[in-house]
Amino acid sequence: DGLHVSSGHGRKRDAVLAGEVPKVLAPHQAPQRQPLVRLHPV
């Protein structure tokens, strides 16, 4: 699974490399797991 998150929370690659302090996430902003290999339902 990949861990996906909105880009505005200080967790994207460039922000982590720059040492930015990540934002505190509310429960509904938490990173979401998604399969790297997704089976298409149709």
PDB file of all heavy atoms in Angstrom:
ATOM      1  N   ASP A   1       0.831  -1.205   0.000  1.00  0.00           N
ATOM      2  CA  ASP A   1       0.000   0.000   0.000  1.00  0.00           C
ATOM      3  C   ASP A   1       0.859   1.246   0.000  1.00  0.00           C
ATOM      4  O   ASP A   1       1.883   1.306   0.700  1.00  0.00           O
ATOM      5  CB  ASP A   1      -0.889   0.047   1.251  1.00  0.00           C
ATOM      6  CG  ASP A   1      -1.987  -0.988   1.238  1.00  0.00           C
ATOM      7  OD1 ASP A   1      -2.376  -1.423   0.139  1.00  0.00           O
ATOM      8  OD2 ASP A   1      -2.457  -1.368   2.332  1.00  0.00           O
ATOM      9  N   GLY A   2       0.429   2.252  -0.770  1.00  0.00           N
ATOM     10  CA  GLY A   2       1.018   3.581  -0.670  1.00  0.00           C
ATOM     11  C   GLY A   2       0.284   4.382   0.391  1.00  0.00           C
ATOM     12  O   GLY A   2      -0.885   4.122   0.690  1.00  0.00           O
ATOM     13  N   LEU A   3       0.972   5.368   0.967  1.00  0.00           N
ATOM     14  CA  LEU A   3       0.363   6.279   1.928  1.00  0.00           C
ATOM     15  C   LEU A   3       0.170   7.629   1.252  1.00  0.00           C
ATOM     16  O   LEU A   3       1.139   8.305   0.917  1.00  0.00           O
ATOM     17  CB  LEU A   3       1.256   6.439   3.166  1.00  0.00           C
ATOM     18  CG  LEU A   3       1.288   5.275   4.142  1.00  0.00           C
ATOM     19  CD1 LEU A   3       2.279   5.566   5.266  1.00  0.00           C
ATOM     20  CD2 LEU A   3      -0.089   5.005   4.718  1.00  0.00           C
ATOM     21  N   HIS A   4      -1.084   8.008   1.048  1.00  0.00           N
ATOM     22  CA  HIS A   4      -1.438   9.226   0.318  1.00  0.00           C
ATOM     23  C   HIS A   4      -1.935  10.281   1.299  1.00  0.00           C
ATOM     24  O   HIS A   4      -2.676   9.970   2.238  1.00  0.00           O
ATOM     25  CB  HIS A   4      -2.527   8.926  -0.709  1.00  0.00           C
ATOM     26  CG  HIS A   4      -2.118   7.950  -1.768  1.00  0.00           C
ATOM     27  ND1 HIS A   4      -2.008   8.289  -3.103  1.00  0.00           N
ATOM     28  CD2 HIS A   4      -1.785   6.631  -1.701  1.00  0.00           C
ATOM     29  CE1 HIS A   4      -1.640   7.230  -3.810  1.00  0.00           C
ATOM     30  NE2 HIS A   4      -1.510   6.214  -2.968  1.00  0.00           N
ATOM     31  N   VAL A   5      -1.561  11.535   1.054  1.00  0.00           N
ATOM     32  CA  VAL A   5      -1.975  12.624   1.935  1.00  0.00           C
ATOM     33  C   VAL A   5      -2.041  13.910   1.115  1.00  0.00           C
ATOM     34  O   VAL A   5      -1.319  14.069   0.132  1.00  0.00           O
ATOM     35  CB  VAL A   5      -0.996  12.767   3.122  1.00  0.00           C
ATOM     36  CG1 VAL A   5       0.358  13.304   2.660  1.00  0.00           C
ATOM     37  CG2 VAL A   5      -1.577  13.612   4.243  1.00  0.00           C
ATOM     38  N   SER A   6      -2.901  14.816   1.517  1.00  0.00           N
ATOM     39  CA  SER A   6      -3.008  16.102   0.829  1.00  0.00           C
ATOM     40  C   SER A   6      -1.685  16.852   0.919  1.00  0.00           C
ATOM     41  O   SER A   6      -0.990  16.802   1.942  1.00  0.00           O
ATOM     42  CB  SER A   6      -4.138  16.932   1.444  1.00  0.00           C
ATOM     43  OG  SER A   6      -4.257  18.171   0.788  1.00  0.00           O
ATOM     44  N   SER A   7      -1.346  17.562  -0.142  1.00  0.00           N
ATOM     45  CA  SER A   7      -0.014  18.169  -0.234  1.00  0.00           C
ATOM     46  C   SER A   7       0.197  19.363   0.680  1.00  0.00           C
ATOM     47  O   SER A   7       1.322  19.813   0.854  1.00  0.00           O
ATOM     48  CB  SER A   7       0.253  18.593  -1.681  1.00  0.00           C
ATOM     49  OG  SER A   7      -0.686  19.570  -2.095  1.00  0.00           O
ATOM     50  N   GLY A   8      -0.848  19.892   1.284  1.00  0.00           N
ATOM     51  CA  GLY A   8      -0.697  21.107   2.081  1.00  0.00           C
ATOM     52  C   GLY A   8      -0.365  20.894   3.534  1.00  0.00           C
ATOM     53  O   GLY A   8      -0.481  21.825   4.343  1.00  0.00           O
ATOM     54  N   HIS A   9       0.083  19.688   3.919  1.00  0.00           N
ATOM     55  CA  HIS A   9       0.276  19.389   5.336  1.00  0.00           C
ATOM     56  C   HIS A   9       1.734  19.201   5.741  1.00  0.00           C
ATOM     57  O   HIS A   9       2.011  18.734   6.846  1.00  0.00           O
ATOM     58  CB  HIS A   9      -0.522  18.144   5.714  1.00  0.00           C
ATOM     59  CG  HIS A   9      -2.000  18.293   5.526  1.00  0.00           C
ATOM     60  ND1 HIS A   9      -2.728  19.321   6.094  1.00  0.00           N
ATOM     61  CD2 HIS A   9      -2.900  17.551   4.819  1.00  0.00           C
ATOM     62  CE1 HIS A   9      -4.003  19.200   5.763  1.00  0.00           C
ATOM     63  NE2 HIS A   9      -4.129  18.147   4.973  1.00  0.00           N
ATOM     64  N   GLY A  10       2.672  19.540   4.864  1.00  0.00           N
ATOM     65  CA  GLY A  10       4.085  19.453   5.223  1.00  0.00           C
ATOM     66  C   GLY A  10       4.645  18.050   5.184  1.00  0.00           C
ATOM     67  O   GLY A  10       5.686  17.781   5.792  1.00  0.00           O
ATOM     68  N   ARG A  11       3.990  17.135   4.449  1.00  0.00           N
ATOM     69  CA  ARG A  11       4.454  15.759   4.391  1.00  0.00           C
ATOM     70  C   ARG A  11       4.937  15.346   3.001  1.00  0.00           C
ATOM     71  O   ARG A  11       5.346  14.196   2.811  1.00  0.00           O
ATOM     72  CB  ARG A  11       3.334  14.810   4.840  1.00  0.00           C
ATOM     73  CG  ARG A  11       3.045  14.925   6.328  1.00  0.00           C
ATOM     74  CD  ARG A  11       1.823  14.145   6.749  1.00  0.00           C
ATOM     75  NE  ARG A  11       1.707  14.117   8.199  1.00  0.00           N
ATOM     76  CZ  ARG A  11       2.047  13.088   8.970  1.00  0.00           C
ATOM     77  NH1 ARG A  11       2.531  11.995   8.424  1.00  0.00           N
ATOM     78  NH2 ARG A  11       1.909  13.152  10.277  1.00  0.00           N
ATOM     79  N   LYS A  12       4.876  16.257   2.039  1.00  0.00           N
ATOM     80  CA  LYS A  12       5.376  15.903   0.712  1.00  0.00           C
ATOM     81  C   LYS A  12       6.902  15.849   0.745  1.00  0.00           C
ATOM     82  O   LYS A  12       7.552  16.349   1.664  1.00  0.00           O
ATOM     83  CB  LYS A  12       4.860  16.877  -0.338  1.00  0.00           C
ATOM     84  CG  LYS A  12       5.290  18.311  -0.171  1.00  0.00           C
ATOM     85  CD  LYS A  12       4.621  19.171  -1.246  1.00  0.00           C
ATOM     86  CE  LYS A  12       5.053  20.631  -1.134  1.00  0.00           C
ATOM     87  NZ  LYS A  12       4.409  21.470  -2.161  1.00  0.00           N
ATOM     88  N   ARG A  13       7.474  15.261  -0.261  1.00  0.00           N
ATOM     89  CA  ARG A  13       8.917  14.977  -0.265  1.00  0.00           C
ATOM     90  C   ARG A  13       9.752  16.232  -0.088  1.00  0.00           C
ATOM     91  O   ARG A  13      10.698  16.258   0.722  1.00  0.00           O
ATOM     92  CB  ARG A  13       9.294  14.265  -1.562  1.00  0.00           C
ATOM     93  CG  ARG A  13      10.747  13.794  -1.621  1.00  0.00           C
ATOM     94  CD  ARG A  13      10.979  13.019  -2.912  1.00  0.00           C
ATOM     95  NE  ARG A  13      12.303  12.460  -2.991  1.00  0.00           N
ATOM     96  CZ  ARG A  13      13.371  13.097  -3.467  1.00  0.00           C
ATOM     97  NH1 ARG A  13      13.240  14.345  -3.911  1.00  0.00           N
ATOM     98  NH2 ARG A  13      14.544  12.503  -3.521  1.00  0.00           N
ATOM     99  N   ASP A  14       9.450  17.283  -0.830  1.00  0.00           N
ATOM    100  CA  ASP A  14      10.247  18.501  -0.745  1.00  0.00           C
ATOM    101  C   ASP A  14      10.172  19.124   0.643  1.00  0.00           C
ATOM    102  O   ASP A  14      11.170  19.643   1.155  1.00  0.00           O
ATOM    103  CB  ASP A  14       9.787  19.512  -1.798  1.00  0.00           C
ATOM    104  CG  ASP A  14      10.103  19.070  -3.216  1.00  0.00           C
ATOM    105  OD1 ASP A  14      10.850  18.077  -3.372  1.00  0.00           O
ATOM    106  OD2 ASP A  14       9.595  19.685  -4.161  1.00  0.00           O
ATOM    107  N   ALA A  15       8.995  19.069   1.271  1.00  0.00           N
ATOM    108  CA  ALA A  15       8.843  19.636   2.612  1.00  0.00           C
ATOM    109  C   ALA A  15       9.650  18.851   3.634  1.00  0.00           C
ATOM    110  O   ALA A  15      10.277  19.429   4.533  1.00  0.00           O
ATOM    111  CB  ALA A  15       7.368  19.652   3.001  1.00  0.00           C
ATOM    112  N   VAL A  16       9.646  17.520   3.509  1.00  0.00           N
ATOM    113  CA  VAL A  16      10.407  16.687   4.444  1.00  0.00           C
ATOM    114  C   VAL A  16      11.899  16.916   4.255  1.00  0.00           C
ATOM    115  O   VAL A  16      12.654  17.042   5.229  1.00  0.00           O
ATOM    116  CB  VAL A  16      10.033  15.204   4.254  1.00  0.00           C
ATOM    117  CG1 VAL A  16      10.940  14.305   5.094  1.00  0.00           C
ATOM    118  CG2 VAL A  16       8.567  14.976   4.635  1.00  0.00           C
ATOM    119  N   LEU A  17      12.352  16.992   3.015  1.00  0.00           N
ATOM    120  CA  LEU A  17      13.770  17.248   2.754  1.00  0.00           C
ATOM    121  C   LEU A  17      14.201  18.611   3.287  1.00  0.00           C
ATOM    122  O   LEU A  17      15.339  18.788   3.733  1.00  0.00           O
ATOM    123  CB  LEU A  17      14.047  17.165   1.253  1.00  0.00           C
ATOM    124  CG  LEU A  17      14.115  15.762   0.652  1.00  0.00           C
ATOM    125  CD1 LEU A  17      14.185  15.854  -0.863  1.00  0.00           C
ATOM    126  CD2 LEU A  17      15.304  14.989   1.200  1.00  0.00           C
ATOM    127  N   ALA A  18      13.287  19.593   3.244  1.00  0.00           N
ATOM    128  CA  ALA A  18      13.600  20.943   3.723  1.00  0.00           C
ATOM    129  C   ALA A  18      13.500  21.050   5.243  1.00  0.00           C
ATOM    130  O   ALA A  18      13.823  22.108   5.807  1.00  0.00           O
ATOM    131  CB  ALA A  18      12.666  21.955   3.064  1.00  0.00           C
ATOM    132  N   GLY A  19      13.046  20.003   5.908  1.00  0.00           N
ATOM    133  CA  GLY A  19      12.942  20.032   7.359  1.00  0.00           C
ATOM    134  C   GLY A  19      11.772  20.829   7.886  1.00  0.00           C
ATOM    135  O   GLY A  19      11.786  21.258   9.042  1.00  0.00           O
ATOM    136  N   GLU A  20      10.748  21.013   7.062  1.00  0.00           N
ATOM    137  CA  GLU A  20       9.578  21.746   7.527  1.00  0.00           C
ATOM    138  C   GLU A  20       8.867  20.977   8.644  1.00  0.00           C
ATOM    139  O   GLU A  20       8.850  19.746   8.650  1.00  0.00           O
ATOM    140  CB  GLU A  20       8.596  21.970   6.370  1.00  0.00           C
ATOM    141  CG  GLU A  20       9.114  22.887   5.282  1.00  0.00           C
ATOM    142  CD  GLU A  20       8.087  23.098   4.173  1.00  0.00           C
ATOM    143  OE1 GLU A  20       6.891  22.802   4.415  1.00  0.00           O
ATOM    144  OE2 GLU A  20       8.478  23.540   3.082  1.00  0.00           O
ATOM    145  N   VAL A  21       8.306  21.719   9.579  1.00  0.00           N
ATOM    146  CA  VAL A  21       7.538  21.095  10.653  1.00  0.00           C
ATOM    147  C   VAL A  21       6.166  20.732  10.095  1.00  0.00           C
ATOM    148  O   VAL A  21       5.427  21.611   9.645  1.00  0.00           O
ATOM    149  CB  VAL A  21       7.400  22.045  11.856  1.00  0.00           C
ATOM    150  CG1 VAL A  21       6.534  21.396  12.933  1.00  0.00           C
ATOM    151  CG2 VAL A  21       8.774  22.394  12.413  1.00  0.00           C
ATOM    152  N   PRO A  22       5.798  19.456  10.110  1.00  0.00           N
ATOM    153  CA  PRO A  22       4.499  19.080   9.549  1.00  0.00           C
ATOM    154  C   PRO A  22       3.354  19.586  10.415  1.00  0.00           C
ATOM    155  O   PRO A  22       3.488  19.746  11.628  1.00  0.00           O
ATOM    156  CB  PRO A  22       4.546  17.548   9.539  1.00  0.00           C
ATOM    157  CG  PRO A  22       5.526  17.195  10.607  1.00  0.00           C
ATOM    158  CD  PRO A  22       6.543  18.301  10.611  1.00  0.00           C
ATOM    159  N   LYS A  23       2.227  19.827   9.765  1.00  0.00           N
ATOM    160  CA  LYS A  23       1.045  20.268  10.487  1.00  0.00           C
ATOM    161  C   LYS A  23       0.434  19.110  11.275  1.00  0.00           C
ATOM    162  O   LYS A  23       0.566  17.937  10.894  1.00  0.00           O
ATOM    163  CB  LYS A  23       0.003  20.825   9.503  1.00  0.00           C
ATOM    164  CG  LYS A  23       0.451  22.078   8.770  1.00  0.00           C
ATOM    165  CD  LYS A  23      -0.632  22.553   7.815  1.00  0.00           C
ATOM    166  CE  LYS A  23      -0.195  23.811   7.063  1.00  0.00           C
ATOM    167  NZ  LYS A  23      -1.231  24.262   6.099  1.00  0.00           N
ATOM    168  N   VAL A  24      -0.201  19.455  12.380  1.00  0.00           N
ATOM    169  CA  VAL A  24      -0.960  18.456  13.120  1.00  0.00           C
ATOM    170  C   VAL A  24      -2.230  18.158  12.339  1.00  0.00           C
ATOM    171  O   VAL A  24      -2.981  19.074  11.979  1.00  0.00           O
ATOM    172  CB  VAL A  24      -1.295  18.960  14.542  1.00  0.00           C
ATOM    173  CG1 VAL A  24      -2.162  17.936  15.267  1.00  0.00           C
ATOM    174  CG2 VAL A  24      -0.009  19.236  15.316  1.00  0.00           C
ATOM    175  N   LEU A  25      -2.472  16.892  12.077  1.00  0.00           N
ATOM    176  CA  LEU A  25      -3.591  16.505  11.237  1.00  0.00           C
ATOM    177  C   LEU A  25      -4.806  16.145  12.078  1.00  0.00           C
ATOM    178  O   LEU A  25      -4.695  15.427  13.073  1.00  0.00           O
ATOM    179  CB  LEU A  25      -3.219  15.307  10.366  1.00  0.00           C
ATOM    180  CG  LEU A  25      -2.029  15.487   9.418  1.00  0.00           C
ATOM    181  CD1 LEU A  25      -1.782  14.198   8.642  1.00  0.00           C
ATOM    182  CD2 LEU A  25      -2.268  16.643   8.467  1.00  0.00           C
ATOM    183  N   ALA A  26      -5.944  16.649  11.670  1.00  0.00           N
ATOM    184  CA  ALA A  26      -7.204  16.198  12.249  1.00  0.00           C
ATOM    185  C   ALA A  26      -7.485  14.776  11.751  1.00  0.00           C
ATOM    186  O   ALA A  26      -6.925  14.353  10.729  1.00  0.00           O
ATOM    187  CB  ALA A  26      -8.335  17.137  11.842  1.00  0.00           C
ATOM    188  N   PRO A  27      -8.326  14.016  12.449  1.00  0.00           N
ATOM    189  CA  PRO A  27      -8.594  12.636  12.015  1.00  0.00           C
ATOM    190  C   PRO A  27      -9.015  12.509  10.558  1.00  0.00           C
ATOM    191  O   PRO A  27      -8.601  11.574   9.866  1.00  0.00           O
ATOM    192  CB  PRO A  27      -9.697  12.183  12.972  1.00  0.00           C
ATOM    193  CG  PRO A  27      -9.467  12.983  14.221  1.00  0.00           C
ATOM    194  CD  PRO A  27      -8.993  14.328  13.743  1.00  0.00           C
ATOM    195  N   HIS A  28      -9.803  13.475  10.066  1.00  0.00           N
ATOM    196  CA  HIS A  28     -10.276  13.355   8.684  1.00  0.00           C
ATOM    197  C   HIS A  28      -9.225  13.801   7.663  1.00  0.00           C
ATOM    198  O   HIS A  28      -9.465  13.731   6.460  1.00  0.00           O
ATOM    199  CB  HIS A  28     -11.568  14.156   8.487  1.00  0.00           C
ATOM    200  CG  HIS A  28     -11.391  15.637   8.570  1.00  0.00           C
ATOM    201  ND1 HIS A  28     -11.232  16.309   9.753  1.00  0.00           N
ATOM    202  CD2 HIS A  28     -11.344  16.581   7.596  1.00  0.00           C
ATOM    203  CE1 HIS A  28     -11.097  17.594   9.523  1.00  0.00           C
ATOM    204  NE2 HIS A  28     -11.169  17.784   8.217  1.00  0.00           N
ATOM    205  N   GLN A  29      -8.050  14.249   8.131  1.00  0.00           N
ATOM    206  CA  GLN A  29      -6.951  14.612   7.241  1.00  0.00           C
ATOM    207  C   GLN A  29      -5.850  13.555   7.226  1.00  0.00           C
ATOM    208  O   GLN A  29      -4.841  13.721   6.568  1.00  0.00           O
ATOM    209  CB  GLN A  29      -6.353  15.951   7.679  1.00  0.00           C
ATOM    210  CG  GLN A  29      -7.319  17.117   7.617  1.00  0.00           C
ATOM    211  CD  GLN A  29      -6.766  18.363   8.265  1.00  0.00           C
ATOM    212  OE1 GLN A  29      -6.039  18.298   9.275  1.00  0.00           O
ATOM    213  NE2 GLN A  29      -7.080  19.527   7.691  1.00  0.00           N
ATOM    214  N   ALA A  30      -6.039  12.484   7.958  1.00  0.00           N
ATOM    215  CA  ALA A  30      -4.997  11.476   8.124  1.00  0.00           C
ATOM    216  C   ALA A  30      -4.600  10.843   6.787  1.00  0.00           C
ATOM    217  O   ALA A  30      -5.427  10.727   5.879  1.00  0.00           O
ATOM    218  CB  ALA A  30      -5.478  10.390   9.078  1.00  0.00           C
ATOM    219  N   PRO A  31      -3.323  10.438   6.645  1.00  0.00           N
ATOM    220  CA  PRO A  31      -2.910   9.723   5.435  1.00  0.00           C
ATOM    221  C   PRO A  31      -3.757   8.476   5.222  1.00  0.00           C
ATOM    222  O   PRO A  31      -4.157   7.805   6.174  1.00  0.00           O
ATOM    223  CB  PRO A  31      -1.448   9.365   5.720  1.00  0.00           C
ATOM    224  CG  PRO A  31      -0.997  10.373   6.731  1.00  0.00           C
ATOM    225  CD  PRO A  31      -2.200  10.650   7.583  1.00  0.00           C
ATOM    226  N   GLN A  32      -4.020   8.177   3.973  1.00  0.00           N
ATOM    227  CA  GLN A  32      -4.862   7.043   3.608  1.00  0.00           C
ATOM    228  C   GLN A  32      -4.053   6.009   2.830  1.00  0.00           C
ATOM    229  O   GLN A  32      -3.287   6.350   1.934  1.00  0.00           O
ATOM    230  CB  GLN A  32      -6.062   7.505   2.775  1.00  0.00           C
ATOM    231  CG  GLN A  32      -6.965   8.496   3.475  1.00  0.00           C
ATOM    232  CD  GLN A  32      -7.630   7.913   4.711  1.00  0.00           C
ATOM    233  OE1 GLN A  32      -8.050   6.752   4.719  1.00  0.00           O
ATOM    234  NE2 GLN A  32      -7.729   8.718   5.767  1.00  0.00           N
ATOM    235  N   ARG A  33      -4.249   4.754   3.188  1.00  0.00           N
ATOM    236  CA  ARG A  33      -3.581   3.663   2.481  1.00  0.00           C
ATOM    237  C   ARG A  33      -4.368   3.322   1.219  1.00  0.00           C
ATOM    238  O   ARG A  33      -5.584   3.176   1.251  1.00  0.00           O
ATOM    239  CB  ARG A  33      -3.480   2.436   3.385  1.00  0.00           C
ATOM    240  CG  ARG A  33      -2.571   2.640   4.572  1.00  0.00           C
ATOM    241  CD  ARG A  33      -2.623   1.457   5.513  1.00  0.00           C
ATOM    242  NE  ARG A  33      -2.004   0.281   4.942  1.00  0.00           N
ATOM    243  CZ  ARG A  33      -1.061  -0.455   5.550  1.00  0.00           C
ATOM    244  NH1 ARG A  33      -0.644  -0.110   6.763  1.00  0.00           N
ATOM    245  NH2 ARG A  33      -0.555  -1.521   4.974  1.00  0.00           N
ATOM    246  N   GLN A  34      -3.619   3.209   0.121  1.00  0.00           N
ATOM    247  CA  GLN A  34      -4.213   2.798  -1.158  1.00  0.00           C
ATOM    248  C   GLN A  34      -3.298   1.742  -1.778  1.00  0.00           C
ATOM    249  O   GLN A  34      -2.074   1.833  -1.672  1.00  0.00           O
ATOM    250  CB  GLN A  34      -4.327   3.977  -2.129  1.00  0.00           C
ATOM    251  CG  GLN A  34      -4.973   5.221  -1.568  1.00  0.00           C
ATOM    252  CD  GLN A  34      -6.490   5.124  -1.459  1.00  0.00           C
ATOM    253  OE1 GLN A  34      -7.076   4.071  -1.650  1.00  0.00           O
ATOM    254  NE2 GLN A  34      -7.138   6.240  -1.124  1.00  0.00           N
ATOM    255  N   PRO A  35      -3.855   0.734  -2.420  1.00  0.00           N
ATOM    256  CA  PRO A  35      -3.016  -0.330  -2.999  1.00  0.00           C
ATOM    257  C   PRO A  35      -2.139   0.196  -4.130  1.00  0.00           C
ATOM    258  O   PRO A  35      -2.584   0.984  -4.965  1.00  0.00           O
ATOM    259  CB  PRO A  35      -4.029  -1.344  -3.513  1.00  0.00           C
ATOM    260  CG  PRO A  35      -5.280  -0.547  -3.735  1.00  0.00           C
ATOM    261  CD  PRO A  35      -5.282   0.516  -2.669  1.00  0.00           C
ATOM    262  N   LEU A  36      -0.881  -0.261  -4.148  1.00  0.00           N
ATOM    263  CA  LEU A  36      -0.013   0.085  -5.281  1.00  0.00           C
ATOM    264  C   LEU A  36      -0.518  -0.567  -6.555  1.00  0.00           C
ATOM    265  O   LEU A  36      -0.362  -0.023  -7.647  1.00  0.00           O
ATOM    266  CB  LEU A  36       1.420  -0.390  -5.022  1.00  0.00           C
ATOM    267  CG  LEU A  36       2.306   0.420  -4.092  1.00  0.00           C
ATOM    268  CD1 LEU A  36       3.704  -0.194  -4.058  1.00  0.00           C
ATOM    269  CD2 LEU A  36       2.386   1.872  -4.525  1.00  0.00           C
ATOM    270  N   VAL A  37      -1.091  -1.745  -6.416  1.00  0.00           N
ATOM    271  CA  VAL A  37      -1.676  -2.458  -7.553  1.00  0.00           C
ATOM    272  C   VAL A  37      -3.173  -2.514  -7.311  1.00  0.00           C
ATOM    273  O   VAL A  37      -3.654  -3.189  -6.401  1.00  0.00           O
ATOM    274  CB  VAL A  37      -1.102  -3.880  -7.684  1.00  0.00           C
ATOM    275  CG1 VAL A  37      -1.740  -4.590  -8.881  1.00  0.00           C
ATOM    276  CG2 VAL A  37       0.413  -3.830  -7.820  1.00  0.00           C
ATOM    277  N   ARG A  38      -3.907  -1.779  -8.123  1.00  0.00           N
ATOM    278  CA  ARG A  38      -5.348  -1.664  -7.906  1.00  0.00           C
ATOM    279  C   ARG A  38      -6.096  -2.506  -8.929  1.00  0.00           C
ATOM    280  O   ARG A  38      -5.834  -2.424 -10.139  1.00  0.00           O
ATOM    281  CB  ARG A  38      -5.760  -0.192  -8.012  1.00  0.00           C
ATOM    282  CG  ARG A  38      -7.186   0.042  -7.535  1.00  0.00           C
ATOM    283  CD  ARG A  38      -7.472   1.502  -7.336  1.00  0.00           C
ATOM    284  NE  ARG A  38      -8.878   1.678  -6.986  1.00  0.00           N
ATOM    285  CZ  ARG A  38      -9.473   2.861  -6.914  1.00  0.00           C
ATOM    286  NH1 ARG A  38      -8.792   3.966  -7.122  1.00  0.00           N
ATOM    287  NH2 ARG A  38     -10.764   2.926  -6.607  1.00  0.00           N
ATOM    288  N   LEU A  39      -7.027  -3.316  -8.432  1.00  0.00           N
ATOM    289  CA  LEU A  39      -7.848  -4.146  -9.306  1.00  0.00           C
ATOM    290  C   LEU A  39      -9.064  -3.348  -9.751  1.00  0.00           C
ATOM    291  O   LEU A  39      -9.868  -2.912  -8.924  1.00  0.00           O
ATOM    292  CB  LEU A  39      -8.284  -5.413  -8.561  1.00  0.00           C
ATOM    293  CG  LEU A  39      -9.013  -6.466  -9.383  1.00  0.00           C
ATOM    294  CD1 LEU A  39      -8.086  -7.055 -10.452  1.00  0.00           C
ATOM    295  CD2 LEU A  39      -9.547  -7.571  -8.473  1.00  0.00           C
ATOM    296  N   HIS A  40      -9.179  -3.151 -11.057  1.00  0.00           N
ATOM    297  CA  HIS A  40     -10.272  -2.334 -11.566  1.00  0.00           C
ATOM    298  C   HIS A  40     -11.589  -3.081 -11.433  1.00  0.00           C
ATOM    299  O   HIS A  40     -11.702  -4.237 -11.892  1.00  0.00           O
ATOM    300  CB  HIS A  40     -10.024  -1.969 -13.029  1.00  0.00           C
ATOM    301  CG  HIS A  40     -10.853  -0.829 -13.517  1.00  0.00           C
ATOM    302  ND1 HIS A  40     -12.193  -0.962 -13.808  1.00  0.00           N
ATOM    303  CD2 HIS A  40     -10.542   0.483 -13.737  1.00  0.00           C
ATOM    304  CE1 HIS A  40     -12.659   0.196 -14.218  1.00  0.00           C
ATOM    305  NE2 HIS A  40     -11.693   1.099 -14.182  1.00  0.00           N
ATOM    306  N   PRO A  41     -12.612  -2.465 -10.820  1.00  0.00           N
ATOM    307  CA  PRO A  41     -13.854  -3.195 -10.552  1.00  0.00           C
ATOM    308  C   PRO A  41     -14.682  -3.511 -11.793  1.00  0.00           C
ATOM    309  O   PRO A  41     -15.578  -4.345 -11.730  1.00  0.00           O
ATOM    310  CB  PRO A  41     -14.613  -2.258  -9.615  1.00  0.00           C
ATOM    311  CG  PRO A  41     -14.100  -0.893  -9.945  1.00  0.00           C
ATOM    312  CD  PRO A  41     -12.653  -1.096 -10.268  1.00  0.00           C
ATOM    313  N   VAL A  42     -14.404  -2.847 -12.910  1.00  0.00           N
ATOM    314  CA  VAL A  42     -15.175  -3.087 -14.136  1.00  0.00           C
ATOM    315  C   VAL A  42     -14.423  -4.006 -15.088  1.00  0.00           C
ATOM    316  O   VAL A  42     -14.961  -5.002 -15.577  1.00  0.00           O
ATOM    317  CB  VAL A  42     -15.525  -1.756 -14.834  1.00  0.00           C
ATOM    318  CG1 VAL A  42     -16.274  -2.016 -16.140  1.00  0.00           C
ATOM    319  CG2 VAL A  42     -16.351  -0.873 -13.912  1.00  0.00           C
TER     320      VAL A  42
END
